[in-house]
Protein backbone atom coordinates (compact mmCIF):
# COMPACT_ATOMS: atom_id res chain seq x y z
CA MET A 1 106.54 117.42 54.82
CA ALA A 2 103.24 116.37 53.25
CA THR A 3 103.22 112.82 54.38
CA LEU A 4 104.79 110.51 56.83
CA SER A 5 104.27 107.24 55.05
CA LEU A 6 106.58 104.55 56.10
CA VAL A 7 105.12 101.79 53.94
CA SER A 8 105.48 103.39 50.57
CA CYS A 9 108.94 104.88 51.53
CA SER A 10 108.15 107.97 49.37
CA PRO A 11 107.68 110.84 52.00
CA ALA A 12 108.10 114.41 51.07
CA GLU A 13 110.48 116.55 52.89
CA PRO A 14 109.50 118.14 56.18
CA SER A 15 108.44 121.64 56.43
CA VAL A 16 110.71 124.23 58.14
CA ALA A 17 109.28 124.93 61.51
CA VAL A 18 107.92 128.62 61.92
CA SER A 19 106.45 130.53 64.76
CA THR A 20 103.34 131.42 62.92
CA PRO A 21 100.07 130.51 64.86
CA ALA A 22 98.61 127.30 63.58
CA ALA A 23 95.36 129.06 62.84
CA ALA A 24 97.10 131.47 60.50
CA ARG A 25 98.91 128.55 58.51
CA GLU A 26 97.81 126.13 55.90
CA PHE A 27 98.33 122.45 56.34
CA PRO A 28 97.62 119.44 54.00
CA PRO A 29 94.14 118.11 54.24
CA GLY A 30 93.83 115.55 57.11
CA THR A 31 96.55 117.21 59.31
CA VAL A 32 95.68 116.68 62.94
CA LEU A 33 98.88 117.59 64.69
CA ALA A 34 101.92 119.74 64.01
CA LEU A 35 105.33 119.19 65.68
CA ASN A 36 107.29 122.47 65.29
CA ALA A 37 105.07 123.38 62.46
CA THR A 38 105.61 120.07 60.68
CA PRO A 39 102.13 118.59 59.78
CA ILE A 40 101.14 115.03 60.85
CA ARG A 41 98.14 113.63 59.16
CA ALA A 42 95.62 111.11 60.63
CA GLU A 43 96.26 108.71 57.78
CA ASP A 44 100.03 108.62 58.40
CA VAL A 45 99.51 107.67 62.14
CA ASP A 46 96.93 105.08 61.16
CA ALA A 47 99.32 103.65 58.65
CA VAL A 48 101.66 102.91 61.48
CA ALA A 49 98.82 101.85 63.74
CA SER A 50 97.89 99.23 61.25
CA ILE A 51 101.37 97.74 61.43
CA ILE A 52 101.16 97.67 65.26
CA ALA A 53 97.78 96.14 65.10
CA ARG A 54 99.51 93.08 63.40
CA VAL A 55 101.55 92.63 66.61
CA GLU A 56 98.75 93.63 69.14
CA PRO A 57 95.43 92.83 67.40
CA GLN A 58 93.69 93.10 70.75
CA ASN A 59 94.29 96.76 71.12
CA THR A 60 91.68 99.41 70.27
CA LEU A 61 92.41 102.03 67.66
CA PRO A 62 92.82 104.94 70.17
CA HIS A 63 95.60 102.88 71.90
CA LEU A 64 97.09 101.98 68.65
CA ARG A 65 97.31 105.56 67.62
CA ARG A 66 99.05 106.44 70.93
CA ILE A 67 101.69 103.66 70.41
CA ALA A 68 102.22 104.98 66.85
CA LEU A 69 102.60 108.46 67.81
CA THR A 70 104.99 108.01 70.65
CA ASN A 71 107.09 105.12 69.30
CA VAL A 72 107.32 106.14 65.73
CA ILE A 73 105.65 109.30 64.37
CA LEU A 74 106.86 111.81 66.80
CA PRO A 75 110.54 110.51 67.08
CA LEU A 76 110.64 110.20 63.15
CA VAL A 77 109.46 113.84 62.67
CA ALA A 78 112.03 114.99 65.32
CA ALA A 79 114.78 113.01 63.56
CA ARG A 80 113.99 114.48 60.28
CA GLN A 81 114.21 117.94 61.67
CA VAL A 82 117.40 117.34 63.50
CA ALA A 83 119.08 115.57 60.44
CA GLY A 84 117.61 118.15 57.88
CA PRO A 85 116.41 117.29 54.43
CA GLU A 86 119.84 117.32 52.77
CA LYS A 87 121.27 114.42 54.95
CA ARG A 88 118.10 112.53 54.72
CA ALA A 89 117.97 112.89 50.85
CA ALA A 90 121.70 111.82 50.47
CA SER A 91 121.10 108.87 52.61
CA LEU A 92 118.12 107.80 50.44
CA ALA A 93 119.95 108.39 47.12
CA LEU A 94 122.87 106.01 48.45
CA ALA A 95 120.39 103.44 49.72
CA SER A 96 118.48 103.58 46.30
CA ALA A 97 121.84 103.16 44.52
CA TRP A 98 122.89 100.26 46.55
CA ARG A 99 119.61 98.47 46.26
CA ALA A 100 119.60 98.80 42.33
CA ALA A 101 123.21 97.44 42.32
CA LEU A 102 122.41 94.35 44.50
CA VAL A 103 119.22 93.61 42.52
CA ARG A 104 121.40 93.53 39.37
CA GLY A 105 124.08 91.39 41.05
CA GLU A 106 126.58 94.17 40.63
CA THR A 107 129.13 95.66 43.10
CA PRO A 108 127.49 98.65 44.92
CA PRO A 109 128.84 102.01 44.60
CA ALA A 110 131.57 102.92 46.95
CA PRO A 111 129.95 105.24 49.50
CA VAL A 112 131.61 108.01 51.70
CA THR A 113 130.23 106.26 54.77
CA ALA A 114 129.52 102.41 54.32
CA PRO A 115 126.11 101.18 55.43
CA LEU A 116 125.93 98.95 58.37
CA GLU A 117 125.51 95.26 57.10
CA GLU A 118 123.94 92.49 59.28
CA VAL A 119 122.08 89.28 58.89
CA THR A 120 119.47 89.07 61.53
CA GLN A 121 116.91 86.41 62.47
CA GLY A 122 113.83 86.61 64.57
CA GLY A 123 110.47 88.51 64.84
CA PHE A 124 109.42 92.02 64.73
CA GLY A 125 111.76 92.84 67.70
CA MET A 126 114.75 91.64 65.92
CA VAL A 127 114.28 93.10 62.44
CA GLY A 128 112.40 96.28 63.32
CA LEU A 129 108.75 97.07 63.07
CA GLU A 130 108.72 98.51 59.41
CA VAL A 131 111.03 95.89 57.91
CA TRP A 132 109.05 93.25 59.76
CA ASN A 133 105.82 94.40 58.20
CA TRP A 134 107.50 94.31 54.72
CA ALA A 135 108.92 90.95 55.17
CA LEU A 136 105.66 89.16 56.26
CA ASP A 137 104.12 89.57 52.79
CA CYS A 138 106.92 89.91 50.25
CA PRO A 139 108.34 86.83 48.45
CA VAL A 140 111.31 85.09 49.90
CA GLY A 141 114.46 86.39 48.06
CA ALA A 142 112.93 89.82 47.43
CA TRP A 143 114.90 93.06 47.97
CA SER A 144 112.96 96.00 49.68
CA GLU A 145 112.85 99.48 48.38
CA PRO A 146 114.46 101.68 50.90
CA ILE A 147 112.39 101.64 54.18
CA GLU A 148 112.45 104.68 56.28
CA THR A 149 113.03 104.19 60.01
CA VAL A 150 113.81 106.80 62.71
CA GLY A 151 117.15 108.17 61.58
CA ALA A 152 117.78 105.87 58.70
CA TRP A 153 116.87 104.09 55.50
CA ARG A 154 117.04 100.36 55.48
CA VAL A 155 117.36 98.03 52.44
CA ALA A 156 116.33 94.45 53.36
CA HIS A 157 116.78 91.09 51.51
CA LEU A 158 114.47 88.43 52.78
CA LEU A 159 116.41 85.14 53.07
CA GLU A 160 113.99 82.97 54.93
CA ARG A 161 110.56 82.93 56.33
CA SER A 162 108.94 80.28 58.62
CA ALA A 163 105.20 79.75 58.70
CA GLY A 164 103.13 80.87 61.57
CA LEU A 165 99.54 80.93 62.72
CA ARG A 166 99.95 84.60 63.81
CA PRO A 167 102.20 87.21 62.45
CA THR A 168 104.07 87.19 65.71
CA ASP A 169 104.81 83.53 65.35
CA VAL A 170 106.70 84.04 62.09
CA VAL A 171 110.48 83.91 62.30
CA LEU A 172 112.43 85.96 59.68
CA LYS A 173 115.93 85.74 58.36
CA VAL A 174 116.90 89.15 56.85
CA ASP A 175 120.01 90.54 55.33
CA LEU A 176 119.90 94.31 56.15
CA ARG A 177 121.74 97.31 54.90
CA THR A 178 121.25 100.41 57.19
CA PHE A 179 121.96 103.92 55.80
CA VAL A 180 121.89 106.40 58.62
CA TRP A 181 121.09 110.09 58.09
CA ASP A 182 123.61 111.39 60.41
CA PRO A 183 126.51 109.04 61.57
CA SER A 184 127.48 111.13 64.61
CA GLU A 185 127.33 109.22 67.90
CA SER A 186 125.06 111.77 69.67
CA PHE A 187 122.40 111.71 66.90
CA ARG A 188 119.90 109.78 69.13
CA GLU A 189 120.69 112.09 72.10
CA ASP A 190 120.27 114.99 69.82
CA VAL A 191 116.76 113.89 68.77
CA GLU A 192 115.70 113.24 72.29
CA ALA A 193 116.94 116.78 73.31
CA HIS A 194 115.20 118.22 70.25
CA LEU A 195 111.96 116.68 71.45
CA ASP A 196 112.31 118.21 74.89
CA ARG A 197 112.43 121.70 73.20
CA SER A 198 109.57 120.84 70.69
CA LYS A 199 106.12 122.21 70.65
CA LEU A 200 103.15 119.99 69.59
CA GLU A 201 99.95 121.81 68.29
CA PHE A 202 96.61 120.12 68.05
CA LEU A 203 94.84 121.08 64.99
CA ASP A 204 92.06 118.56 65.77
CA GLU A 205 91.10 118.51 69.60
CA VAL A 206 89.93 114.88 69.25
CA TRP A 207 93.54 113.92 68.80
CA ARG A 208 94.59 115.28 72.23
CA ASP A 209 93.22 112.11 73.68
CA PHE A 210 95.67 109.99 71.68
CA VAL A 211 98.78 111.81 72.96
CA PRO A 212 99.60 110.70 76.63
CA THR A 213 99.75 113.50 79.29
CA THR A 214 103.52 112.88 79.78
CA TRP A 215 104.06 113.63 76.19
CA GLN A 216 101.78 116.67 76.24
CA ARG A 217 103.78 118.09 78.95
CA ARG A 218 107.11 117.29 77.23
CA LEU A 219 106.05 118.86 74.05
CA ARG A 220 105.09 122.37 75.22
CA GLY A 221 108.21 124.02 73.67
CA SER A 222 111.11 125.68 75.41
CA PRO A 223 110.18 128.48 77.99
């Protein structure tokens, strides 16, 4: 995986974890961490941190990075590893086909597993951080490109948006289509179990300060 970009929704596939020592491997420029040999770049963490800053502008960059890592980046990498590139790519292809049909006003293709459809109203806690960030700035009536979240691609249609002095004051009404990578009921639990067995490497020691101690202990790899 060369990038973890959530906003552009065009990440490359994750690398396969190997046991080669970090010093003997090559990673993309800007890589600061590696989870089971999958590189994590500073710019990817900071892209998520910038979204969180719209919710919590009072927080410092180090704290925003901690939240981004533990709430989004590390679970996302683990979910990609558990699902595998084939399931993730198949889900993206289906989400893209549905989005294209809906934008044209056509009936979406019949999927093997239908997406979860829901109309939700509220702030970032209701529609999800990534969808909320997109919906704050797009025109009302717009359809999003597939937005990657932990374990799923989401296609959003912004129906309404209220005014607000702060981003957190804005109320959104969004029609969502969620295309999960793996429909099994145990997927979330499998991701958590995978994290418990995972190993986090620090390619830049400065970034050790941005990973909470509890997570450092958790991500030491299986004995």
